[in-house]
N, C-alpha and C. Protein backbone atom coordinates (compact mmCIF):
# COMPACT_ATOMS: atom_id res chain seq x y z
N MET A 1 0.84 -1.16 0.00
CA MET A 1 0.00 0.00 0.00
C MET A 1 0.90 1.23 0.00
N ALA A 2 0.70 2.10 -0.95
CA ALA A 2 1.47 3.34 -1.01
C ALA A 2 0.93 4.32 0.00
N VAL A 3 1.82 5.06 0.61
CA VAL A 3 1.44 5.96 1.67
C VAL A 3 1.80 7.39 1.32
N SER A 4 0.87 8.28 1.53
CA SER A 4 1.17 9.70 1.50
C SER A 4 1.08 10.18 2.93
N LEU A 5 2.16 10.70 3.47
CA LEU A 5 2.21 11.00 4.89
C LEU A 5 1.66 12.38 5.24
N GLY A 6 1.24 13.14 4.27
CA GLY A 6 0.50 14.37 4.50
C GLY A 6 0.99 15.23 5.63
N VAL A 7 0.09 15.57 6.53
CA VAL A 7 0.36 16.53 7.59
C VAL A 7 1.47 16.06 8.52
N LEU A 8 1.53 14.80 8.82
CA LEU A 8 2.55 14.28 9.74
C LEU A 8 3.93 14.62 9.24
N GLY A 9 4.14 14.56 7.94
CA GLY A 9 5.46 14.84 7.40
C GLY A 9 5.62 16.25 6.88
N ALA A 10 4.64 17.10 7.05
CA ALA A 10 4.70 18.46 6.51
C ALA A 10 5.82 19.26 7.17
N GLY A 11 6.51 20.03 6.35
CA GLY A 11 7.52 20.93 6.86
C GLY A 11 8.83 20.26 7.22
N LEU A 12 9.00 19.01 6.89
CA LEU A 12 10.23 18.33 7.22
C LEU A 12 11.15 18.32 6.01
N ALA A 13 12.37 18.71 6.22
CA ALA A 13 13.35 18.71 5.13
C ALA A 13 13.81 17.29 4.87
N PRO A 14 14.07 16.93 3.62
CA PRO A 14 14.56 15.60 3.33
C PRO A 14 15.92 15.36 3.95
N ALA A 15 16.16 14.14 4.36
CA ALA A 15 17.46 13.78 4.93
C ALA A 15 18.53 13.83 3.85
N ALA A 16 19.71 14.29 4.22
CA ALA A 16 20.80 14.38 3.26
C ALA A 16 21.22 13.00 2.80
N ARG A 17 21.31 12.06 3.72
CA ARG A 17 21.59 10.68 3.36
C ARG A 17 21.09 9.78 4.48
N ALA A 18 20.68 8.62 4.10
CA ALA A 18 20.12 7.69 5.08
C ALA A 18 21.21 7.16 6.00
N ASP A 19 20.84 6.94 7.26
CA ASP A 19 21.76 6.30 8.19
C ASP A 19 21.24 4.90 8.51
N ALA A 20 21.91 4.21 9.41
CA ALA A 20 21.52 2.84 9.74
C ALA A 20 20.10 2.77 10.29
N ASN A 21 19.70 3.74 11.10
CA ASN A 21 18.33 3.73 11.63
C ASN A 21 17.31 3.95 10.53
N ASP A 22 17.65 4.83 9.57
CA ASP A 22 16.75 5.06 8.44
C ASP A 22 16.58 3.76 7.65
N ASP A 23 17.69 3.09 7.39
CA ASP A 23 17.65 1.83 6.64
C ASP A 23 16.80 0.79 7.38
N LYS A 24 16.99 0.71 8.70
CA LYS A 24 16.22 -0.25 9.50
C LYS A 24 14.73 0.06 9.41
N PHE A 25 14.37 1.33 9.54
CA PHE A 25 12.96 1.73 9.47
C PHE A 25 12.34 1.37 8.13
N ILE A 26 13.01 1.75 7.05
CA ILE A 26 12.47 1.48 5.71
C ILE A 26 12.35 -0.03 5.50
N GLN A 27 13.34 -0.80 5.96
CA GLN A 27 13.27 -2.26 5.81
C GLN A 27 12.09 -2.83 6.59
N LEU A 28 11.82 -2.30 7.78
CA LEU A 28 10.67 -2.77 8.55
C LEU A 28 9.37 -2.51 7.80
N LEU A 29 9.25 -1.34 7.17
CA LEU A 29 8.05 -1.05 6.39
C LEU A 29 7.92 -2.01 5.21
N VAL A 30 9.02 -2.18 4.48
CA VAL A 30 9.01 -3.06 3.31
C VAL A 30 8.65 -4.49 3.71
N SER A 31 9.17 -4.95 4.85
CA SER A 31 8.90 -6.33 5.28
C SER A 31 7.42 -6.56 5.59
N ASP A 32 6.68 -5.48 5.86
CA ASP A 32 5.24 -5.60 6.12
C ASP A 32 4.40 -5.18 4.93
N GLY A 33 5.07 -4.89 3.80
CA GLY A 33 4.35 -4.53 2.59
C GLY A 33 3.86 -3.09 2.55
N ILE A 34 4.40 -2.24 3.41
CA ILE A 34 4.01 -0.83 3.41
C ILE A 34 5.00 -0.07 2.53
N THR A 35 4.48 0.51 1.46
CA THR A 35 5.32 1.30 0.57
C THR A 35 5.05 2.77 0.81
N HIS A 36 5.86 3.62 0.23
CA HIS A 36 5.77 5.05 0.48
C HIS A 36 6.11 5.81 -0.77
N GLU A 37 5.52 6.97 -0.91
CA GLU A 37 5.79 7.81 -2.08
C GLU A 37 7.12 8.51 -1.97
N SER A 38 7.59 8.76 -0.76
CA SER A 38 8.83 9.51 -0.55
C SER A 38 9.55 8.96 0.67
N VAL A 39 10.74 8.42 0.45
CA VAL A 39 11.53 7.91 1.57
C VAL A 39 11.82 9.02 2.58
N PRO A 40 12.28 10.21 2.13
CA PRO A 40 12.54 11.27 3.12
C PRO A 40 11.29 11.65 3.92
N ALA A 41 10.13 11.67 3.30
CA ALA A 41 8.90 12.01 4.04
C ALA A 41 8.56 10.92 5.05
N ALA A 42 8.73 9.66 4.67
CA ALA A 42 8.45 8.56 5.59
C ALA A 42 9.40 8.62 6.78
N ILE A 43 10.67 8.87 6.52
CA ILE A 43 11.66 8.98 7.60
C ILE A 43 11.34 10.17 8.50
N GLY A 44 10.99 11.30 7.89
CA GLY A 44 10.63 12.47 8.67
C GLY A 44 9.41 12.23 9.55
N ALA A 45 8.42 11.53 9.00
CA ALA A 45 7.23 11.22 9.78
C ALA A 45 7.56 10.27 10.93
N ALA A 46 8.44 9.31 10.68
CA ALA A 46 8.85 8.38 11.72
C ALA A 46 9.56 9.11 12.86
N ARG A 47 10.41 10.04 12.51
CA ARG A 47 11.10 10.82 13.54
C ARG A 47 10.10 11.69 14.32
N LYS A 48 9.06 12.13 13.64
CA LYS A 48 8.01 12.92 14.30
C LYS A 48 7.26 12.06 15.32
N VAL A 49 7.11 10.76 15.03
CA VAL A 49 6.47 9.84 15.97
C VAL A 49 7.21 9.92 17.31
N CYS A 50 8.54 9.87 17.26
CA CYS A 50 9.33 9.91 18.49
C CYS A 50 9.19 11.26 19.19
N GLU A 51 9.11 12.31 18.42
CA GLU A 51 8.93 13.65 18.99
C GLU A 51 7.60 13.70 19.75
N TYR A 52 6.54 13.20 19.13
CA TYR A 52 5.24 13.19 19.79
C TYR A 52 5.27 12.38 21.09
N LEU A 53 5.92 11.22 21.04
CA LEU A 53 6.03 10.39 22.25
C LEU A 53 6.81 11.12 23.34
N SER A 54 7.87 11.82 22.96
CA SER A 54 8.67 12.54 23.95
C SER A 54 7.89 13.72 24.55
N GLN A 55 6.87 14.18 23.84
CA GLN A 55 6.02 15.27 24.35
C GLN A 55 4.86 14.76 25.21
N GLY A 56 4.79 13.43 25.38
CA GLY A 56 3.79 12.86 26.27
C GLY A 56 2.60 12.20 25.62
N MET A 57 2.55 12.19 24.28
CA MET A 57 1.46 11.46 23.63
C MET A 57 1.64 9.97 23.85
N THR A 58 0.54 9.24 23.95
CA THR A 58 0.63 7.79 24.06
C THR A 58 0.82 7.19 22.67
N PRO A 59 1.33 5.97 22.60
CA PRO A 59 1.44 5.32 21.28
C PRO A 59 0.10 5.27 20.55
N ASN A 60 -0.99 5.01 21.26
CA ASN A 60 -2.31 4.96 20.61
C ASN A 60 -2.70 6.32 20.04
N GLU A 61 -2.37 7.39 20.75
CA GLU A 61 -2.67 8.73 20.24
C GLU A 61 -1.85 9.01 18.98
N VAL A 62 -0.61 8.55 18.98
CA VAL A 62 0.23 8.77 17.80
C VAL A 62 -0.30 7.95 16.62
N VAL A 63 -0.74 6.73 16.86
CA VAL A 63 -1.33 5.91 15.79
C VAL A 63 -2.54 6.63 15.22
N THR A 64 -3.39 7.18 16.05
CA THR A 64 -4.56 7.92 15.57
C THR A 64 -4.12 9.11 14.73
N ASP A 65 -3.09 9.81 15.16
CA ASP A 65 -2.58 10.95 14.38
C ASP A 65 -2.07 10.49 13.02
N VAL A 66 -1.36 9.37 12.99
CA VAL A 66 -0.86 8.84 11.72
C VAL A 66 -2.03 8.48 10.81
N MET A 67 -3.05 7.83 11.36
CA MET A 67 -4.22 7.48 10.54
C MET A 67 -4.91 8.72 10.00
N ASN A 68 -4.99 9.77 10.80
CA ASN A 68 -5.68 10.99 10.38
C ASN A 68 -4.88 11.83 9.39
N SER A 69 -3.57 11.63 9.34
CA SER A 69 -2.74 12.47 8.47
C SER A 69 -2.12 11.69 7.32
N SER A 70 -2.58 10.47 7.12
CA SER A 70 -2.05 9.66 6.02
C SER A 70 -3.16 8.80 5.46
N SER A 71 -2.82 8.00 4.48
CA SER A 71 -3.79 7.08 3.90
C SER A 71 -3.68 5.68 4.51
N LEU A 72 -2.95 5.55 5.61
CA LEU A 72 -2.77 4.24 6.23
C LEU A 72 -4.01 3.80 7.01
N PRO A 73 -4.43 2.55 6.82
CA PRO A 73 -5.49 2.01 7.68
C PRO A 73 -4.93 1.72 9.07
N ASP A 74 -5.79 1.38 10.01
CA ASP A 74 -5.38 1.26 11.41
C ASP A 74 -4.22 0.29 11.63
N TYR A 75 -4.27 -0.92 11.05
CA TYR A 75 -3.18 -1.87 11.27
C TYR A 75 -1.86 -1.30 10.78
N ASP A 76 -1.84 -0.75 9.56
CA ASP A 76 -0.60 -0.22 9.00
C ASP A 76 -0.11 1.00 9.77
N ALA A 77 -1.02 1.83 10.25
CA ALA A 77 -0.62 2.98 11.06
C ALA A 77 0.04 2.50 12.35
N GLY A 78 -0.53 1.48 12.96
CA GLY A 78 0.08 0.91 14.15
C GLY A 78 1.44 0.33 13.87
N TYR A 79 1.56 -0.37 12.74
CA TYR A 79 2.85 -0.94 12.36
C TYR A 79 3.86 0.16 12.09
N PHE A 80 3.44 1.23 11.42
CA PHE A 80 4.31 2.37 11.13
C PHE A 80 4.86 2.95 12.43
N VAL A 81 3.99 3.17 13.41
CA VAL A 81 4.43 3.72 14.69
C VAL A 81 5.38 2.75 15.39
N GLY A 82 5.05 1.47 15.37
CA GLY A 82 5.93 0.47 15.98
C GLY A 82 7.29 0.41 15.31
N ALA A 83 7.30 0.50 13.98
CA ALA A 83 8.58 0.50 13.25
C ALA A 83 9.38 1.75 13.57
N ALA A 84 8.71 2.88 13.69
CA ALA A 84 9.40 4.13 14.05
C ALA A 84 10.04 4.00 15.43
N ILE A 85 9.29 3.44 16.37
CA ILE A 85 9.81 3.26 17.73
C ILE A 85 11.02 2.33 17.71
N ARG A 86 10.91 1.20 17.01
CA ARG A 86 12.03 0.25 16.95
C ARG A 86 13.27 0.89 16.35
N ALA A 87 13.09 1.69 15.31
CA ALA A 87 14.25 2.24 14.61
C ALA A 87 14.83 3.48 15.27
N TYR A 88 13.98 4.35 15.80
CA TYR A 88 14.45 5.67 16.23
C TYR A 88 14.35 5.96 17.72
N CYS A 89 13.43 5.33 18.41
CA CYS A 89 13.26 5.66 19.84
C CYS A 89 12.83 4.42 20.62
N PRO A 90 13.72 3.42 20.68
CA PRO A 90 13.38 2.16 21.35
C PRO A 90 13.06 2.31 22.83
N GLN A 91 13.39 3.46 23.41
CA GLN A 91 13.05 3.67 24.82
C GLN A 91 11.53 3.69 25.03
N TYR A 92 10.76 3.83 23.95
CA TYR A 92 9.30 3.83 24.05
C TYR A 92 8.68 2.46 23.74
N MET A 93 9.50 1.46 23.52
CA MET A 93 8.96 0.11 23.30
C MET A 93 8.34 -0.39 24.59
N PRO A 94 7.25 -1.12 24.49
CA PRO A 94 6.64 -1.66 25.72
C PRO A 94 7.56 -2.70 26.34
N PRO A 95 7.47 -2.86 27.65
CA PRO A 95 8.32 -3.88 28.30
C PRO A 95 7.91 -5.27 27.82
N PRO A 96 8.86 -6.20 27.79
CA PRO A 96 8.51 -7.56 27.36
C PRO A 96 7.52 -8.20 28.34
N ALA A 97 6.70 -9.06 27.81
CA ALA A 97 5.73 -9.77 28.64
C ALA A 97 6.47 -10.72 29.57
N PRO A 98 6.00 -10.86 30.80
CA PRO A 98 6.65 -11.81 31.71
C PRO A 98 6.47 -13.24 31.21
N PRO A 99 7.43 -14.09 31.47
CA PRO A 99 7.30 -15.49 31.01
C PRO A 99 6.13 -16.17 31.73
N GLN A 100 5.46 -17.02 30.97
CA GLN A 100 4.35 -17.77 31.56
C GLN A 100 4.88 -19.05 32.15
N ILE A 101 4.39 -19.36 33.32
CA ILE A 101 4.86 -20.57 34.03
C ILE A 101 3.80 -21.63 33.99
């Protein structure tokens, strides 16, 4: 599914060159079949996810924002936010589930 990141990516300058985190993020999207019209816009939007989280938004609020500012359906918006967290701000990943006994 091609994505236009619209408002979420508005006003973001394209990255001069991709770094390892950018590559990881794009690969995560590709592995789930999420395509994008602009790599720099997708990367900028992913970095914005981390900014929103650092400002106190919950992951669910960020997913809603992604859905409202892009053409992504709910599952893909959730995956996009999760991929952004994994690549750029892993401190916001949920704690692992405790082992079941």
